[in-house]
Amino acid sequence: MQVEKEKLVFAPSLYTSLRVSDVERAREFYQKLGFKQTFALWGHQNETVLCFLQYGSHPLILGKLTGLPYPETAREKAIQQGPRGLGVKVAFNVPDLDLVYRLCQEEHCEIMMEPMEEVWGERIFTCLDPSGYELQLHQQTKVMTEAELTKAYRDAWLQ
């Protein structure tokens, strides 16, 4: 289905939205990773219920797990029970992987995969953020041509 351009009211780029039990805690964590807050909405008890952050050109929306007007469905109940983001990984580049790794350790993030060098010229590690979402953090270590990448992938994965 094609939408006529003039009928679009808001056409964001791809963004990530995470439902979290503690928006403030999640906001503080992501700001430590380098995200900048662009908008926040507070609820009746003066708690943050919605927060928009930005990392480079990528928006991240943190929404309160309960209390926002989500329809009462079986899926909604399952989302609230968790686990958070099972099967979804949020990945992004960082300028200093070792620094971010230490920060994640200090924030008591569960490290799922220790830092390692990948065949495509990046160092990566994965962890669960304070809300239980899986993050893959990576730092580019080598610029490779498409031919070099193809050979590296084939050598590593297709033997």
C-alpha atoms as a PDB file:
ATOM      1  CA  MET A   1       0.000   0.000   0.000  1.00  0.00           C
ATOM      2  CA  GLN A   2       1.355   3.400  -0.938  1.00  0.00           C
ATOM      3  CA  VAL A   3       0.568   6.486   1.135  1.00  0.00           C
ATOM      4  CA  GLU A   4       0.341   9.823  -0.640  1.00  0.00           C
ATOM      5  CA  LYS A   5       3.131  12.095   0.571  1.00  0.00           C
ATOM      6  CA  GLU A   6       0.839  15.034   1.348  1.00  0.00           C
ATOM      7  CA  LYS A   7      -1.279  12.831   3.653  1.00  0.00           C
ATOM      8  CA  LEU A   8       1.642  12.031   5.938  1.00  0.00           C
ATOM      9  CA  VAL A   9       1.519  14.027   9.139  1.00  0.00           C
ATOM     10  CA  PHE A  10       4.588  12.527  10.788  1.00  0.00           C
ATOM     11  CA  ALA A  11       7.064  10.301   8.984  1.00  0.00           C
ATOM     12  CA  PRO A  12       9.894   9.470  11.400  1.00  0.00           C
ATOM     13  CA  SER A  13      12.936   7.512  10.462  1.00  0.00           C
ATOM     14  CA  LEU A  14      13.248   4.093  12.025  1.00  0.00           C
ATOM     15  CA  TYR A  15      13.184   4.353  15.809  1.00  0.00           C
ATOM     16  CA  THR A  16      13.285   2.027  18.775  1.00  0.00           C
ATOM     17  CA  SER A  17      10.684   2.110  21.518  1.00  0.00           C
ATOM     18  CA  LEU A  18      11.169   0.231  24.786  1.00  0.00           C
ATOM     19  CA  ARG A  19       8.566  -0.306  27.512  1.00  0.00           C
ATOM     20  CA  VAL A  20      10.239  -0.129  30.922  1.00  0.00           C
ATOM     21  CA  SER A  21       9.104  -0.310  34.544  1.00  0.00           C
ATOM     22  CA  ASP A  22      11.328   2.622  35.572  1.00  0.00           C
ATOM     23  CA  VAL A  23      11.613   5.297  32.881  1.00  0.00           C
ATOM     24  CA  GLU A  24      13.912   7.478  35.014  1.00  0.00           C
ATOM     25  CA  ARG A  25      16.380   4.629  35.616  1.00  0.00           C
ATOM     26  CA  ALA A  26      16.364   3.708  31.921  1.00  0.00           C
ATOM     27  CA  ARG A  27      16.792   7.371  30.882  1.00  0.00           C
ATOM     28  CA  GLU A  28      19.768   7.814  33.213  1.00  0.00           C
ATOM     29  CA  PHE A  29      21.410   4.628  31.887  1.00  0.00           C
ATOM     30  CA  TYR A  30      21.013   5.580  28.221  1.00  0.00           C
ATOM     31  CA  GLN A  31      22.203   9.122  28.872  1.00  0.00           C
ATOM     32  CA  LYS A  32      25.387   7.652  30.378  1.00  0.00           C
ATOM     33  CA  LEU A  33      25.847   5.776  27.082  1.00  0.00           C
ATOM     34  CA  GLY A  34      25.679   9.087  25.191  1.00  0.00           C
ATOM     35  CA  PHE A  35      21.983   9.468  24.364  1.00  0.00           C
ATOM     36  CA  LYS A  36      20.562  13.011  24.594  1.00  0.00           C
ATOM     37  CA  GLN A  37      17.051  13.657  25.915  1.00  0.00           C
ATOM     38  CA  THR A  38      14.819  15.530  23.454  1.00  0.00           C
ATOM     39  CA  PHE A  39      11.421  15.280  25.183  1.00  0.00           C
ATOM     40  CA  ALA A  40       9.825  13.966  28.374  1.00  0.00           C
ATOM     41  CA  LEU A  41       6.284  13.655  29.675  1.00  0.00           C
ATOM     42  CA  TRP A  42       5.471  13.448  33.382  1.00  0.00           C
ATOM     43  CA  GLY A  43       2.459  11.694  34.916  1.00  0.00           C
ATOM     44  CA  HIS A  44       0.096  12.628  37.732  1.00  0.00           C
ATOM     45  CA  GLN A  45       2.593  11.585  40.427  1.00  0.00           C
ATOM     46  CA  ASN A  46       5.320  13.668  38.737  1.00  0.00           C
ATOM     47  CA  GLU A  47       7.042  10.467  37.505  1.00  0.00           C
ATOM     48  CA  THR A  48       8.448  10.276  33.989  1.00  0.00           C
ATOM     49  CA  VAL A  49       6.058   8.214  31.852  1.00  0.00           C
ATOM     50  CA  LEU A  50       7.528   8.875  28.407  1.00  0.00           C
ATOM     51  CA  CYS A  51      10.995   9.991  27.338  1.00  0.00           C
ATOM     52  CA  PHE A  52      12.465  10.585  23.882  1.00  0.00           C
ATOM     53  CA  LEU A  53      16.223  10.267  23.517  1.00  0.00           C
ATOM     54  CA  GLN A  54      18.541  10.606  20.528  1.00  0.00           C
ATOM     55  CA  TYR A  55      21.833   8.860  19.687  1.00  0.00           C
ATOM     56  CA  GLY A  56      23.249  10.291  16.479  1.00  0.00           C
ATOM     57  CA  SER A  57      20.300  10.129  14.106  1.00  0.00           C
ATOM     58  CA  HIS A  58      18.554   7.292  15.968  1.00  0.00           C
ATOM     59  CA  PRO A  59      15.594   8.103  18.246  1.00  0.00           C
ATOM     60  CA  LEU A  60      14.916   5.943  21.300  1.00  0.00           C
ATOM     61  CA  ILE A  61      11.574   6.178  23.080  1.00  0.00           C
ATOM     62  CA  LEU A  62      11.228   4.932  26.649  1.00  0.00           C
ATOM     63  CA  GLY A  63       7.626   4.376  27.720  1.00  0.00           C
ATOM     64  CA  LYS A  64       6.267   3.356  31.098  1.00  0.00           C
ATOM     65  CA  LEU A  65       5.384  -0.347  31.222  1.00  0.00           C
ATOM     66  CA  THR A  66       2.085   0.283  33.012  1.00  0.00           C
ATOM     67  CA  GLY A  67      -0.162   3.284  33.428  1.00  0.00           C
ATOM     68  CA  LEU A  68      -0.157   4.561  29.857  1.00  0.00           C
ATOM     69  CA  PRO A  69      -3.392   3.976  27.921  1.00  0.00           C
ATOM     70  CA  TYR A  70      -2.518   0.662  26.255  1.00  0.00           C
ATOM     71  CA  PRO A  71      -5.440  -1.597  25.325  1.00  0.00           C
ATOM     72  CA  GLU A  72      -6.097  -4.382  27.848  1.00  0.00           C
ATOM     73  CA  THR A  73      -5.219  -7.400  25.675  1.00  0.00           C
ATOM     74  CA  ALA A  74      -3.566 -10.773  26.233  1.00  0.00           C
ATOM     75  CA  ARG A  75      -0.468  -9.446  24.441  1.00  0.00           C
ATOM     76  CA  GLU A  76      -0.353  -6.387  26.740  1.00  0.00           C
ATOM     77  CA  LYS A  77      -0.498  -8.629  29.819  1.00  0.00           C
ATOM     78  CA  ALA A  78       2.337 -10.774  28.426  1.00  0.00           C
ATOM     79  CA  ILE A  79       4.428  -7.647  27.709  1.00  0.00           C
ATOM     80  CA  GLN A  80       3.991  -6.490  31.299  1.00  0.00           C
ATOM     81  CA  GLN A  81       4.968  -9.898  32.689  1.00  0.00           C
ATOM     82  CA  GLY A  82       8.129 -10.106  30.564  1.00  0.00           C
ATOM     83  CA  PRO A  83      10.823 -11.043  29.924  1.00  0.00           C
ATOM     84  CA  ARG A  84      11.675  -7.723  28.271  1.00  0.00           C
ATOM     85  CA  GLY A  85      12.392  -7.826  24.555  1.00  0.00           C
ATOM     86  CA  LEU A  86      12.921 -11.567  24.226  1.00  0.00           C
ATOM     87  CA  GLY A  87      14.270 -12.144  20.720  1.00  0.00           C
ATOM     88  CA  VAL A  88      15.004  -8.461  20.033  1.00  0.00           C
ATOM     89  CA  LYS A  89      18.473  -6.937  20.144  1.00  0.00           C
ATOM     90  CA  VAL A  90      19.213  -3.200  20.076  1.00  0.00           C
ATOM     91  CA  ALA A  91      22.627  -2.587  18.519  1.00  0.00           C
ATOM     92  CA  PHE A  92      24.623   0.577  18.082  1.00  0.00           C
ATOM     93  CA  ASN A  93      28.162   1.853  17.557  1.00  0.00           C
ATOM     94  CA  VAL A  94      30.073   3.461  20.383  1.00  0.00           C
ATOM     95  CA  PRO A  95      33.330   5.417  20.152  1.00  0.00           C
ATOM     96  CA  ASP A  96      35.032   3.554  23.042  1.00  0.00           C
ATOM     97  CA  LEU A  97      33.900  -0.031  23.621  1.00  0.00           C
ATOM     98  CA  ASP A  98      36.082  -0.583  26.692  1.00  0.00           C
ATOM     99  CA  LEU A  99      34.657   2.499  28.411  1.00  0.00           C
ATOM    100  CA  VAL A 100      31.071   1.418  27.650  1.00  0.00           C
ATOM    101  CA  TYR A 101      31.825  -2.133  28.816  1.00  0.00           C
ATOM    102  CA  ARG A 102      33.067  -0.793  32.185  1.00  0.00           C
ATOM    103  CA  LEU A 103      30.010   1.463  32.460  1.00  0.00           C
ATOM    104  CA  CYS A 104      27.679  -1.488  31.835  1.00  0.00           C
ATOM    105  CA  GLN A 105      29.505  -3.481  34.512  1.00  0.00           C
ATOM    106  CA  GLU A 106      29.191  -0.565  36.967  1.00  0.00           C
ATOM    107  CA  GLU A 107      25.456  -0.349  36.157  1.00  0.00           C
ATOM    108  CA  HIS A 108      25.147  -4.089  36.992  1.00  0.00           C
ATOM    109  CA  CYS A 109      24.097  -5.018  33.470  1.00  0.00           C
ATOM    110  CA  GLU A 110      24.216  -8.757  32.871  1.00  0.00           C
ATOM    111  CA  ILE A 111      27.009  -9.345  30.339  1.00  0.00           C
ATOM    112  CA  MET A 112      25.777 -11.890  27.796  1.00  0.00           C
ATOM    113  CA  MET A 113      28.909 -11.962  25.618  1.00  0.00           C
ATOM    114  CA  GLU A 114      32.322 -10.604  26.608  1.00  0.00           C
ATOM    115  CA  PRO A 115      34.075  -8.174  24.231  1.00  0.00           C
ATOM    116  CA  MET A 116      35.422  -9.940  21.163  1.00  0.00           C
ATOM    117  CA  GLU A 117      36.825  -9.133  17.741  1.00  0.00           C
ATOM    118  CA  GLU A 118      34.473  -9.956  14.848  1.00  0.00           C
ATOM    119  CA  VAL A 119      35.437 -10.906  11.296  1.00  0.00           C
ATOM    120  CA  TRP A 120      33.728  -7.810   9.895  1.00  0.00           C
ATOM    121  CA  GLY A 121      36.172  -5.427  11.595  1.00  0.00           C
ATOM    122  CA  GLU A 122      34.387  -4.592  14.829  1.00  0.00           C
ATOM    123  CA  ARG A 123      34.798  -5.353  18.515  1.00  0.00           C
ATOM    124  CA  ILE A 124      31.467  -6.154  20.150  1.00  0.00           C
ATOM    125  CA  PHE A 125      29.864  -7.288  23.387  1.00  0.00           C
ATOM    126  CA  THR A 126      26.282  -7.872  24.435  1.00  0.00           C
ATOM    127  CA  CYS A 127      24.542  -7.221  27.727  1.00  0.00           C
ATOM    128  CA  LEU A 128      21.091  -6.790  29.199  1.00  0.00           C
ATOM    129  CA  ASP A 129      20.269  -3.179  30.034  1.00  0.00           C
ATOM    130  CA  PRO A 130      18.780  -2.373  33.475  1.00  0.00           C
ATOM    131  CA  SER A 131      15.284  -3.071  32.082  1.00  0.00           C
ATOM    132  CA  GLY A 132      16.262  -6.472  30.646  1.00  0.00           C
ATOM    133  CA  TYR A 133      16.629  -5.521  26.968  1.00  0.00           C
ATOM    134  CA  GLU A 134      19.538  -7.027  25.055  1.00  0.00           C
ATOM    135  CA  LEU A 135      22.087  -4.527  23.768  1.00  0.00           C
ATOM    136  CA  GLN A 136      24.846  -5.237  21.283  1.00  0.00           C
ATOM    137  CA  LEU A 137      27.483  -2.551  21.476  1.00  0.00           C
ATOM    138  CA  HIS A 138      30.197  -2.338  18.874  1.00  0.00           C
ATOM    139  CA  GLN A 139      33.187  -0.256  17.876  1.00  0.00           C
ATOM    140  CA  GLN A 140      34.639  -0.298  14.395  1.00  0.00           C
ATOM    141  CA  THR A 141      38.272  -1.413  14.373  1.00  0.00           C
ATOM    142  CA  LYS A 142      38.921  -1.905  10.671  1.00  0.00           C
ATOM    143  CA  VAL A 143      37.414  -0.489   7.471  1.00  0.00           C
ATOM    144  CA  MET A 144      36.804  -3.275   4.971  1.00  0.00           C
ATOM    145  CA  THR A 145      35.722  -3.311   1.338  1.00  0.00           C
ATOM    146  CA  GLU A 146      32.677  -5.314   0.303  1.00  0.00           C
ATOM    147  CA  ALA A 147      34.947  -7.980  -1.190  1.00  0.00           C
ATOM    148  CA  GLU A 148      36.951  -8.235   2.056  1.00  0.00           C
ATOM    149  CA  LEU A 149      33.734  -8.484   4.094  1.00  0.00           C
ATOM    150  CA  THR A 150      32.332 -11.190   1.821  1.00  0.00           C
ATOM    151  CA  LYS A 151      35.540 -13.228   2.105  1.00  0.00           C
ATOM    152  CA  ALA A 152      35.652 -12.777   5.909  1.00  0.00           C
ATOM    153  CA  TYR A 153      32.008 -13.873   6.278  1.00  0.00           C
ATOM    154  CA  ARG A 154      32.497 -16.882   4.011  1.00  0.00           C
ATOM    155  CA  ASP A 155      35.689 -17.958   5.767  1.00  0.00           C
ATOM    156  CA  ALA A 156      34.069 -17.648   9.208  1.00  0.00           C
ATOM    157  CA  TRP A 157      30.534 -18.890   8.606  1.00  0.00           C
ATOM    158  CA  LEU A 158      30.397 -21.028   5.477  1.00  0.00           C
ATOM    159  CA  GLN A 159      33.144 -23.577   6.025  1.00  0.00           C
END
